[in-house]
C-alpha atoms as a PDB file:
ATOM      1  CA  VAL A   1       0.000   0.000   0.000  1.00  0.00           C
ATOM      2  CA  ALA A   2       1.393   3.410  -0.936  1.00  0.00           C
ATOM      3  CA  VAL A   3       0.291   6.412   1.109  1.00  0.00           C
ATOM      4  CA  ILE A   4       1.077   9.680  -0.635  1.00  0.00           C
ATOM      5  CA  GLY A   5       1.803  12.638   1.615  1.00  0.00           C
ATOM      6  CA  GLY A   6       3.640  12.837   4.916  1.00  0.00           C
ATOM      7  CA  GLY A   7       1.317  15.262   6.653  1.00  0.00           C
ATOM      8  CA  ILE A   8      -0.682  14.301   9.710  1.00  0.00           C
ATOM      9  CA  ALA A   9      -3.346  12.607   7.583  1.00  0.00           C
ATOM     10  CA  GLY A  10      -0.896  10.492   5.575  1.00  0.00           C
ATOM     11  CA  VAL A  11       1.200   9.503   8.581  1.00  0.00           C
ATOM     12  CA  SER A  12      -1.938   8.597  10.538  1.00  0.00           C
ATOM     13  CA  VAL A  13      -3.334   6.497   7.691  1.00  0.00           C
ATOM     14  CA  ALA A  14      -0.053   4.594   7.309  1.00  0.00           C
ATOM     15  CA  HIS A  15       0.177   3.990  11.054  1.00  0.00           C
ATOM     16  CA  HIS A  16      -3.402   2.770  11.395  1.00  0.00           C
ATOM     17  CA  LEU A  17      -3.135   0.508   8.348  1.00  0.00           C
ATOM     18  CA  LEU A  18      -0.192  -1.230  10.008  1.00  0.00           C
ATOM     19  CA  GLN A  19      -2.070  -1.455  13.295  1.00  0.00           C
ATOM     20  CA  LEU A  20      -4.947  -3.167  11.511  1.00  0.00           C
ATOM     21  CA  ASN A  21      -2.686  -5.548   9.592  1.00  0.00           C
ATOM     22  CA  SER A  22       1.001  -5.742  10.487  1.00  0.00           C
ATOM     23  CA  ASP A  23       1.608  -7.985   7.456  1.00  0.00           C
ATOM     24  CA  LEU A  24       0.852  -5.145   5.039  1.00  0.00           C
ATOM     25  CA  ASP A  25       3.712  -3.593   3.119  1.00  0.00           C
ATOM     26  CA  VAL A  26       3.094   0.130   3.609  1.00  0.00           C
ATOM     27  CA  VAL A  27       5.268   2.847   2.119  1.00  0.00           C
ATOM     28  CA  LEU A  28       4.815   6.523   2.982  1.00  0.00           C
ATOM     29  CA  LEU A  29       5.817   8.829   0.126  1.00  0.00           C
ATOM     30  CA  GLU A  30       6.807  12.402   0.996  1.00  0.00           C
ATOM     31  CA  MET A  31       8.768  14.726  -1.276  1.00  0.00           C
ATOM     32  CA  GLU A  32      10.132  16.867   1.579  1.00  0.00           C
ATOM     33  CA  GLY A  33      12.999  15.856   3.841  1.00  0.00           C
ATOM     34  CA  THR A  34      10.800  15.978   6.948  1.00  0.00           C
ATOM     35  CA  LEU A  35       7.264  14.882   7.703  1.00  0.00           C
ATOM     36  CA  ALA A  36       4.540  17.480   8.375  1.00  0.00           C
ATOM     37  CA  HIS A  37       6.712  20.149   6.744  1.00  0.00           C
ATOM     38  CA  HIS A  38       4.043  22.261   5.058  1.00  0.00           C
ATOM     39  CA  THR A  39       0.379  22.710   5.964  1.00  0.00           C
ATOM     40  CA  THR A  40       0.348  20.311   8.906  1.00  0.00           C
ATOM     41  CA  GLY A  41       3.295  22.006  10.542  1.00  0.00           C
ATOM     42  CA  ARG A  42       1.794  25.468  10.168  1.00  0.00           C
ATOM     43  CA  SER A  43      -1.933  24.987  10.659  1.00  0.00           C
ATOM     44  CA  ALA A  44      -1.699  22.518  13.524  1.00  0.00           C
ATOM     45  CA  ALA A  45       0.586  24.740  15.539  1.00  0.00           C
ATOM     46  CA  LEU A  46      -1.842  25.199  18.447  1.00  0.00           C
ATOM     47  CA  LEU A  47      -4.341  22.800  19.965  1.00  0.00           C
ATOM     48  CA  LEU A  48      -7.007  24.125  22.337  1.00  0.00           C
ATOM     49  CA  GLU A  49      -9.411  21.520  23.662  1.00  0.00           C
ATOM     50  CA  ASN A  50     -12.093  24.102  24.439  1.00  0.00           C
ATOM     51  CA  LEU A  51     -12.066  25.789  21.009  1.00  0.00           C
ATOM     52  CA  GLY A  52     -14.778  25.319  18.395  1.00  0.00           C
ATOM     53  CA  THR A  53     -18.199  23.701  18.356  1.00  0.00           C
ATOM     54  CA  GLY A  54     -19.268  20.975  20.756  1.00  0.00           C
ATOM     55  CA  SER A  55     -18.585  18.233  18.210  1.00  0.00           C
ATOM     56  CA  MET A  56     -15.146  19.688  17.438  1.00  0.00           C
ATOM     57  CA  ARG A  57     -14.357  19.698  21.155  1.00  0.00           C
ATOM     58  CA  VAL A  58     -15.376  16.054  21.481  1.00  0.00           C
ATOM     59  CA  LEU A  59     -13.141  15.115  18.533  1.00  0.00           C
ATOM     60  CA  THR A  60     -10.227  17.108  19.950  1.00  0.00           C
ATOM     61  CA  SER A  61     -10.632  15.499  23.377  1.00  0.00           C
ATOM     62  CA  ALA A  62     -10.761  12.042  21.811  1.00  0.00           C
ATOM     63  CA  SER A  63      -7.493  12.752  19.962  1.00  0.00           C
ATOM     64  CA  LEU A  64      -5.499  14.012  22.939  1.00  0.00           C
ATOM     65  CA  ASP A  65      -4.265  10.672  24.274  1.00  0.00           C
ATOM     66  CA  HIS A  66      -2.946   9.636  20.852  1.00  0.00           C
ATOM     67  CA  LEU A  67      -1.307  13.021  20.287  1.00  0.00           C
ATOM     68  CA  ARG A  68       0.290  13.045  23.738  1.00  0.00           C
ATOM     69  CA  ASN A  69       1.427   9.417  23.522  1.00  0.00           C
ATOM     70  CA  THR A  70       2.326   8.963  19.860  1.00  0.00           C
ATOM     71  CA  PRO A  71       4.274   5.714  19.307  1.00  0.00           C
ATOM     72  CA  ASP A  72       8.041   6.248  19.195  1.00  0.00           C
ATOM     73  CA  ASP A  73       8.272   4.479  15.842  1.00  0.00           C
ATOM     74  CA  LEU A  74       5.877   7.014  14.305  1.00  0.00           C
ATOM     75  CA  VAL A  75       7.561  10.303  15.266  1.00  0.00           C
ATOM     76  CA  ASP A  76      10.998  11.400  16.395  1.00  0.00           C
ATOM     77  CA  ALA A  77       9.839  14.331  18.565  1.00  0.00           C
ATOM     78  CA  PRO A  78       6.765  15.083  20.696  1.00  0.00           C
ATOM     79  CA  LEU A  79       3.733  16.256  18.736  1.00  0.00           C
ATOM     80  CA  LEU A  80       2.487  18.428  21.599  1.00  0.00           C
ATOM     81  CA  VAL A  81       4.490  20.864  23.689  1.00  0.00           C
ATOM     82  CA  PRO A  82       2.747  23.009  26.350  1.00  0.00           C
ATOM     83  CA  ARG A  83       2.897  26.730  25.611  1.00  0.00           C
ATOM     84  CA  PRO A  84       1.395  29.925  27.035  1.00  0.00           C
ATOM     85  CA  VAL A  85      -1.572  31.526  25.294  1.00  0.00           C
ATOM     86  CA  LEU A  86      -2.930  35.057  25.572  1.00  0.00           C
ATOM     87  CA  HIS A  87      -6.615  35.531  24.713  1.00  0.00           C
ATOM     88  CA  VAL A  88      -7.513  39.100  23.731  1.00  0.00           C
ATOM     89  CA  GLY A  89     -11.043  40.422  23.363  1.00  0.00           C
ATOM     90  CA  THR A  90     -13.247  43.465  23.561  1.00  0.00           C
ATOM     91  CA  VAL A  91     -15.531  44.413  26.445  1.00  0.00           C
ATOM     92  CA  GLU A  92     -18.414  43.029  24.395  1.00  0.00           C
ATOM     93  CA  GLN A  93     -16.669  39.652  24.337  1.00  0.00           C
ATOM     94  CA  ASP A  94     -16.146  39.441  28.126  1.00  0.00           C
ATOM     95  CA  GLU A  95     -18.848  36.810  28.674  1.00  0.00           C
ATOM     96  CA  ALA A  96     -17.635  34.643  25.796  1.00  0.00           C
ATOM     97  CA  ILE A  97     -14.021  34.836  27.010  1.00  0.00           C
ATOM     98  CA  ASP A  98     -15.053  34.011  30.590  1.00  0.00           C
ATOM     99  CA  ARG A  99     -17.050  31.020  29.307  1.00  0.00           C
ATOM    100  CA  MET A 100     -14.087  29.803  27.243  1.00  0.00           C
ATOM    101  CA  LEU A 101     -11.748  30.098  30.228  1.00  0.00           C
ATOM    102  CA  VAL A 102     -14.144  28.184  32.497  1.00  0.00           C
ATOM    103  CA  GLU A 103     -14.500  25.440  29.887  1.00  0.00           C
ATOM    104  CA  GLY A 104     -10.713  25.258  29.578  1.00  0.00           C
ATOM    105  CA  ILE A 105     -10.291  24.988  33.338  1.00  0.00           C
ATOM    106  CA  GLU A 106     -13.006  22.328  33.533  1.00  0.00           C
ATOM    107  CA  SER A 107     -11.308  20.274  30.838  1.00  0.00           C
ATOM    108  CA  ALA A 108      -7.984  20.743  32.693  1.00  0.00           C
ATOM    109  CA  THR A 109      -5.984  21.206  29.517  1.00  0.00           C
ATOM    110  CA  THR A 110      -2.906  23.208  28.740  1.00  0.00           C
ATOM    111  CA  PRO A 111      -2.718  24.774  25.270  1.00  0.00           C
ATOM    112  CA  THR A 112      -0.238  22.894  23.133  1.00  0.00           C
END
């Protein structure tokens, strides 16, 4: 099986194919020298569990364990690294910001 593209989607597909059937011959084709070099590396730069719609939050929460504990044979560096975040808003957005902060505290997550 050939998986084209070494972004997060391609790497995940290759990994899960091998988990389903370790006898498969899977090759991951990427033209860059490193995986997740382009879009994945830029657009997935920050993960906030309490951001987005309810269904997006559920999906993010369900992904956290895998992202925090990615198999060593899949990556050569951690996918998530805790980092500080500053949320800025207007007076009109006070309630929404307070709600987001409470939801973040309740989910006990650190932005990564």
